[in-house]
C-alpha atoms as a PDB file:
ATOM      1  CA  UNK A   1     136.989 100.083 244.984  1.00  0.00           C
ATOM      2  CA  UNK A   2     136.746  97.045 247.424  1.00  0.00           C
ATOM      3  CA  UNK A   3     136.835  93.169 245.901  1.00  0.00           C
ATOM      4  CA  UNK A   4     132.803  93.210 246.386  1.00  0.00           C
ATOM      5  CA  UNK A   5     132.314  96.561 244.092  1.00  0.00           C
ATOM      6  CA  UNK A   6     135.057  94.917 241.672  1.00  0.00           C
ATOM      7  CA  UNK A   7     133.312  91.252 241.112  1.00  0.00           C
ATOM      8  CA  UNK A   8     129.730  92.930 241.133  1.00  0.00           C
ATOM      9  CA  UNK A   9     128.992  91.351 244.078  1.00  0.00           C
ATOM     10  CA  UNK A  10     127.338  94.834 245.196  1.00  0.00           C
ATOM     11  CA  UNK A  11     123.488  95.211 244.159  1.00  0.00           C
ATOM     12  CA  UNK A  12     123.249  97.366 240.748  1.00  0.00           C
ATOM     13  CA  UNK A  13     122.287 100.688 241.997  1.00  0.00           C
ATOM     14  CA  UNK A  14     119.386 100.914 239.094  1.00  0.00           C
ATOM     15  CA  UNK A  15     117.276  99.420 241.990  1.00  0.00           C
ATOM     16  CA  UNK A  16     117.018 102.481 243.913  1.00  0.00           C
ATOM     17  CA  UNK A  17     114.623 103.317 240.579  1.00  0.00           C
ATOM     18  CA  UNK A  18     112.395  99.933 240.962  1.00  0.00           C
ATOM     19  CA  UNK A  19     112.040 101.177 244.691  1.00  0.00           C
ATOM     20  CA  UNK A  20     110.909 104.682 244.131  1.00  0.00           C
ATOM     21  CA  UNK A  21     108.320 103.254 241.683  1.00  0.00           C
ATOM     22  CA  UNK A  22     107.036 100.685 244.328  1.00  0.00           C
ATOM     23  CA  UNK A  23     104.888 102.993 245.958  1.00  0.00           C
ATOM     24  CA  UNK A  24     104.227 102.998 249.854  1.00  0.00           C
ATOM     25  CA  UNK A  25     102.927  99.674 251.263  1.00  0.00           C
ATOM     26  CA  UNK A  26     100.762 101.468 253.554  1.00  0.00           C
ATOM     27  CA  UNK A  27      98.671 102.804 250.727  1.00  0.00           C
ATOM     28  CA  UNK A  28      97.472  99.121 250.320  1.00  0.00           C
ATOM     29  CA  UNK A  29      96.489  98.487 253.767  1.00  0.00           C
ATOM     30  CA  UNK A  30      94.547 102.140 253.388  1.00  0.00           C
ATOM     31  CA  UNK A  31      92.655 100.538 250.603  1.00  0.00           C
ATOM     32  CA  UNK A  32      91.964  97.234 252.246  1.00  0.00           C
ATOM     33  CA  UNK A  33      90.453  99.348 255.107  1.00  0.00           C
ATOM     34  CA  UNK A  34      88.326 101.097 252.846  1.00  0.00           C
ATOM     35  CA  UNK A  35      87.106  97.807 251.109  1.00  0.00           C
ATOM     36  CA  UNK A  36      86.623  96.079 254.291  1.00  0.00           C
ATOM     37  CA  UNK A  37      84.877  99.178 256.504  1.00  0.00           C
ATOM     38  CA  UNK A  38      87.742  99.246 258.893  1.00  0.00           C
ATOM     39  CA  UNK A  39      87.814 102.508 260.600  1.00  0.00           C
ATOM     40  CA  UNK A  40      91.233 103.865 259.713  1.00  0.00           C
ATOM     41  CA  UNK A  41      93.265 107.063 260.311  1.00  0.00           C
ATOM     42  CA  UNK A  42      96.527 107.520 258.533  1.00  0.00           C
ATOM     43  CA  UNK A  43      98.239 109.359 260.837  1.00  0.00           C
ATOM     44  CA  UNK A  44     101.862 109.771 259.102  1.00  0.00           C
ATOM     45  CA  UNK A  45     103.241 109.108 255.484  1.00  0.00           C
ATOM     46  CA  UNK A  46     104.567 105.936 256.619  1.00  0.00           C
ATOM     47  CA  UNK A  47     102.108 104.959 259.342  1.00  0.00           C
ATOM     48  CA  UNK A  48      98.121 103.284 259.094  1.00  0.00           C
ATOM     49  CA  UNK A  49      96.130 102.995 262.089  1.00  0.00           C
ATOM     50  CA  UNK A  50      92.991 100.030 261.856  1.00  0.00           C
ATOM     51  CA  UNK A  51      90.075  99.220 264.064  1.00  0.00           C
ATOM     52  CA  UNK A  52      89.403  95.640 263.260  1.00  0.00           C
ATOM     53  CA  UNK A  53      86.431  94.101 264.992  1.00  0.00           C
ATOM     54  CA  UNK A  54      87.233  90.670 266.833  1.00  0.00           C
ATOM     55  CA  UNK A  55      85.101  88.252 268.732  1.00  0.00           C
ATOM     56  CA  UNK A  56      85.896  89.695 272.135  1.00  0.00           C
ATOM     57  CA  UNK A  57      87.093  93.330 271.490  1.00  0.00           C
ATOM     58  CA  UNK A  58      87.744  95.750 268.652  1.00  0.00           C
ATOM     59  CA  UNK A  59      91.356  95.627 267.983  1.00  0.00           C
ATOM     60  CA  UNK A  60      93.949  98.696 266.988  1.00  0.00           C
ATOM     61  CA  UNK A  61      96.298  97.516 264.388  1.00  0.00           C
ATOM     62  CA  UNK A  62      99.145 100.041 263.616  1.00  0.00           C
ATOM     63  CA  UNK A  63     101.038  99.493 260.267  1.00  0.00           C
ATOM     64  CA  UNK A  64     104.052 101.193 259.571  1.00  0.00           C
ATOM     65  CA  UNK A  65     106.442 101.316 256.388  1.00  0.00           C
ATOM     66  CA  UNK A  66     110.193 101.450 257.596  1.00  0.00           C
ATOM     67  CA  UNK A  67     112.091 102.550 253.937  1.00  0.00           C
ATOM     68  CA  UNK A  68     115.274 102.189 255.231  1.00  0.00           C
ATOM     69  CA  UNK A  69     115.003  98.717 256.144  1.00  0.00           C
ATOM     70  CA  UNK A  70     112.286  98.064 253.534  1.00  0.00           C
ATOM     71  CA  UNK A  71     110.148  96.207 256.112  1.00  0.00           C
ATOM     72  CA  UNK A  72     105.817  96.685 256.923  1.00  0.00           C
ATOM     73  CA  UNK A  73     105.777  95.988 260.630  1.00  0.00           C
ATOM     74  CA  UNK A  74     102.538  95.154 261.983  1.00  0.00           C
ATOM     75  CA  UNK A  75     101.180  96.372 265.871  1.00  0.00           C
ATOM     76  CA  UNK A  76      98.556  94.958 267.434  1.00  0.00           C
ATOM     77  CA  UNK A  77      98.601  96.415 271.227  1.00  0.00           C
ATOM     78  CA  UNK A  78      96.115  94.608 273.650  1.00  0.00           C
ATOM     79  CA  UNK A  79      93.786  96.852 275.631  1.00  0.00           C
ATOM     80  CA  UNK A  80      94.355  97.146 279.231  1.00  0.00           C
ATOM     81  CA  UNK A  81      97.056  96.996 281.529  1.00  0.00           C
ATOM     82  CA  UNK A  82      97.972  93.930 283.853  1.00  0.00           C
ATOM     83  CA  UNK A  83      97.329  94.508 287.141  1.00  0.00           C
ATOM     84  CA  UNK A  84     100.735  94.490 289.456  1.00  0.00           C
ATOM     85  CA  UNK A  85     102.233  91.260 290.185  1.00  0.00           C
ATOM     86  CA  UNK A  86     100.609  89.149 287.247  1.00  0.00           C
ATOM     87  CA  UNK A  87     103.561  90.373 284.870  1.00  0.00           C
ATOM     88  CA  UNK A  88     105.302  86.995 285.187  1.00  0.00           C
ATOM     89  CA  UNK A  89     102.292  84.690 284.342  1.00  0.00           C
ATOM     90  CA  UNK A  90     101.126  86.871 281.355  1.00  0.00           C
ATOM     91  CA  UNK A  91     104.663  86.575 279.983  1.00  0.00           C
ATOM     92  CA  UNK A  92     104.852  82.799 280.714  1.00  0.00           C
ATOM     93  CA  UNK A  93     101.407  82.848 278.820  1.00  0.00           C
ATOM     94  CA  UNK A  94     102.770  84.901 275.769  1.00  0.00           C
ATOM     95  CA  UNK A  95     105.609  82.294 275.589  1.00  0.00           C
ATOM     96  CA  UNK A  96     102.983  79.597 275.519  1.00  0.00           C
ATOM     97  CA  UNK A  97     100.824  81.234 272.877  1.00  0.00           C
ATOM     98  CA  UNK A  98     104.031  81.933 270.920  1.00  0.00           C
ATOM     99  CA  UNK A  99     105.097  78.103 270.605  1.00  0.00           C
ATOM    100  CA  UNK A 100     101.685  77.800 268.288  1.00  0.00           C
ATOM    101  CA  UNK A 101     101.844  81.049 266.335  1.00  0.00           C
ATOM    102  CA  UNK A 102     103.506  80.560 262.832  1.00  0.00           C
ATOM    103  CA  UNK A 103     104.333  84.186 261.921  1.00  0.00           C
ATOM    104  CA  UNK A 104     104.975  86.870 264.399  1.00  0.00           C
ATOM    105  CA  UNK A 105     104.800  86.854 268.040  1.00  0.00           C
ATOM    106  CA  UNK A 106     103.774  88.464 271.552  1.00  0.00           C
ATOM    107  CA  UNK A 107     105.790  90.295 273.937  1.00  0.00           C
ATOM    108  CA  UNK A 108     105.261  92.439 277.068  1.00  0.00           C
ATOM    109  CA  UNK A 109     105.998  95.872 276.695  1.00  0.00           C
ATOM    110  CA  UNK A 110     107.162  97.285 279.592  1.00  0.00           C
ATOM    111  CA  UNK A 111     106.669 100.940 278.112  1.00  0.00           C
ATOM    112  CA  UNK A 112     102.859 100.560 277.673  1.00  0.00           C
ATOM    113  CA  UNK A 113     102.629  97.593 280.337  1.00  0.00           C
ATOM    114  CA  UNK A 114     100.581  95.957 277.900  1.00  0.00           C
ATOM    115  CA  UNK A 115     100.716  93.075 275.728  1.00  0.00           C
ATOM    116  CA  UNK A 116     101.961  93.213 271.972  1.00  0.00           C
ATOM    117  CA  UNK A 117     101.426  91.449 268.548  1.00  0.00           C
ATOM    118  CA  UNK A 118     104.357  92.006 266.451  1.00  0.00           C
ATOM    119  CA  UNK A 119     104.740  90.914 262.741  1.00  0.00           C
ATOM    120  CA  UNK A 120     106.954  92.285 259.769  1.00  0.00           C
ATOM    121  CA  UNK A 121     107.303  91.617 256.459  1.00  0.00           C
ATOM    122  CA  UNK A 122     110.644  92.515 254.223  1.00  0.00           C
ATOM    123  CA  UNK A 123     110.235  94.023 250.727  1.00  0.00           C
ATOM    124  CA  UNK A 124     113.733  93.869 249.630  1.00  0.00           C
ATOM    125  CA  UNK A 125     114.785  94.862 246.199  1.00  0.00           C
ATOM    126  CA  UNK A 126     111.838  97.140 245.175  1.00  0.00           C
ATOM    127  CA  UNK A 127     109.636  94.031 246.250  1.00  0.00           C
ATOM    128  CA  UNK A 128     105.563  95.226 245.911  1.00  0.00           C
ATOM    129  CA  UNK A 129     103.347  94.557 248.611  1.00  0.00           C
ATOM    130  CA  UNK A 130     100.122  92.561 247.293  1.00  0.00           C
ATOM    131  CA  UNK A 131      96.788  93.081 248.404  1.00  0.00           C
ATOM    132  CA  UNK A 132      96.766  88.887 249.623  1.00  0.00           C
ATOM    133  CA  UNK A 133      99.815  89.583 251.825  1.00  0.00           C
ATOM    134  CA  UNK A 134      98.546  92.799 253.358  1.00  0.00           C
ATOM    135  CA  UNK A 135      94.925  90.542 253.995  1.00  0.00           C
ATOM    136  CA  UNK A 136      97.310  87.543 255.598  1.00  0.00           C
ATOM    137  CA  UNK A 137      99.041  90.197 257.876  1.00  0.00           C
ATOM    138  CA  UNK A 138      95.799  91.401 259.368  1.00  0.00           C
ATOM    139  CA  UNK A 139      94.163  88.126 259.386  1.00  0.00           C
ATOM    140  CA  UNK A 140      97.471  86.688 261.461  1.00  0.00           C
ATOM    141  CA  UNK A 141      97.126  89.658 264.027  1.00  0.00           C
ATOM    142  CA  UNK A 142      93.576  88.932 264.257  1.00  0.00           C
ATOM    143  CA  UNK A 143      94.105  84.929 264.839  1.00  0.00           C
ATOM    144  CA  UNK A 144      96.549  85.524 267.224  1.00  0.00           C
ATOM    145  CA  UNK A 145      94.549  88.296 269.477  1.00  0.00           C
ATOM    146  CA  UNK A 146      91.726  86.139 269.375  1.00  0.00           C
ATOM    147  CA  UNK A 147      93.766  83.266 271.179  1.00  0.00           C
ATOM    148  CA  UNK A 148      95.478  85.503 273.276  1.00  0.00           C
ATOM    149  CA  UNK A 149      92.859  88.131 274.362  1.00  0.00           C
ATOM    150  CA  UNK A 150      90.692  85.827 276.464  1.00  0.00           C
ATOM    151  CA  UNK A 151      93.732  83.914 277.602  1.00  0.00           C
ATOM    152  CA  UNK A 152      95.213  87.170 279.156  1.00  0.00           C
ATOM    153  CA  UNK A 153      91.619  87.994 280.484  1.00  0.00           C
ATOM    154  CA  UNK A 154      91.437  84.415 282.350  1.00  0.00           C
ATOM    155  CA  UNK A 155      95.165  85.120 283.730  1.00  0.00           C
ATOM    156  CA  UNK A 156      94.552  88.957 284.605  1.00  0.00           C
ATOM    157  CA  UNK A 157      90.817  88.831 285.549  1.00  0.00           C
ATOM    158  CA  UNK A 158      90.180  85.260 286.895  1.00  0.00           C
ATOM    159  CA  UNK A 159      93.844  84.392 288.785  1.00  0.00           C
ATOM    160  CA  UNK A 160      94.096  81.423 286.402  1.00  0.00           C
ATOM    161  CA  UNK A 161      97.722  79.710 285.887  1.00  0.00           C
ATOM    162  CA  UNK A 162      98.819  80.308 281.893  1.00  0.00           C
ATOM    163  CA  UNK A 163      98.634  76.960 281.169  1.00  0.00           C
ATOM    164  CA  UNK A 164      94.828  76.918 282.376  1.00  0.00           C
ATOM    165  CA  UNK A 165      93.855  80.162 281.083  1.00  0.00           C
ATOM    166  CA  UNK A 166      95.463  78.930 277.367  1.00  0.00           C
ATOM    167  CA  UNK A 167      93.369  75.473 277.278  1.00  0.00           C
ATOM    168  CA  UNK A 168      90.198  77.324 278.773  1.00  0.00           C
ATOM    169  CA  UNK A 169      90.624  80.025 275.940  1.00  0.00           C
ATOM    170  CA  UNK A 170      90.933  77.781 272.970  1.00  0.00           C
ATOM    171  CA  UNK A 171      87.879  75.574 274.582  1.00  0.00           C
ATOM    172  CA  UNK A 172      85.754  78.908 274.136  1.00  0.00           C
ATOM    173  CA  UNK A 173      87.093  79.555 270.791  1.00  0.00           C
ATOM    174  CA  UNK A 174      86.290  76.052 269.211  1.00  0.00           C
ATOM    175  CA  UNK A 175      82.352  76.744 270.725  1.00  0.00           C
ATOM    176  CA  UNK A 176      81.784  79.754 268.213  1.00  0.00           C
ATOM    177  CA  UNK A 177      80.147  78.723 265.201  1.00  0.00           C
END
């Protein structure tokens, strides 16, 4: 027996029972998708794929549940690939956008050669995912995507600098009602 076990510093094994009662957090996203009318596909037990409309395009959001780490993970992969030679500018743009995000972050996926927004929520100790938390994860991903998508287009297709692209994209967003 270790010192931690002897001093009762380890979690009580009864927490395992509360985790089993929690259910699968991806079920919350599935119910939310049905309620909001989002296209949804349940590809695996611990994964839900949502198609959520945005101002610029439809965004594909993947939600996964990792029971081992007790984390809900949200991924939004930008449609389209960056033309060669612009990867450095896109990465610099993502850094500028990340400075203004309160949750989640953008990465450049070398595997997909595309931008990806990532966010996670820890549900340690048998915590249950609330509908409001699920809505907030989707809203945060959409907000980041709506800011990032036009800025990326300005860099990729208009050849603007990351700083100019971000400024232009934010001006465009401000003009929407």
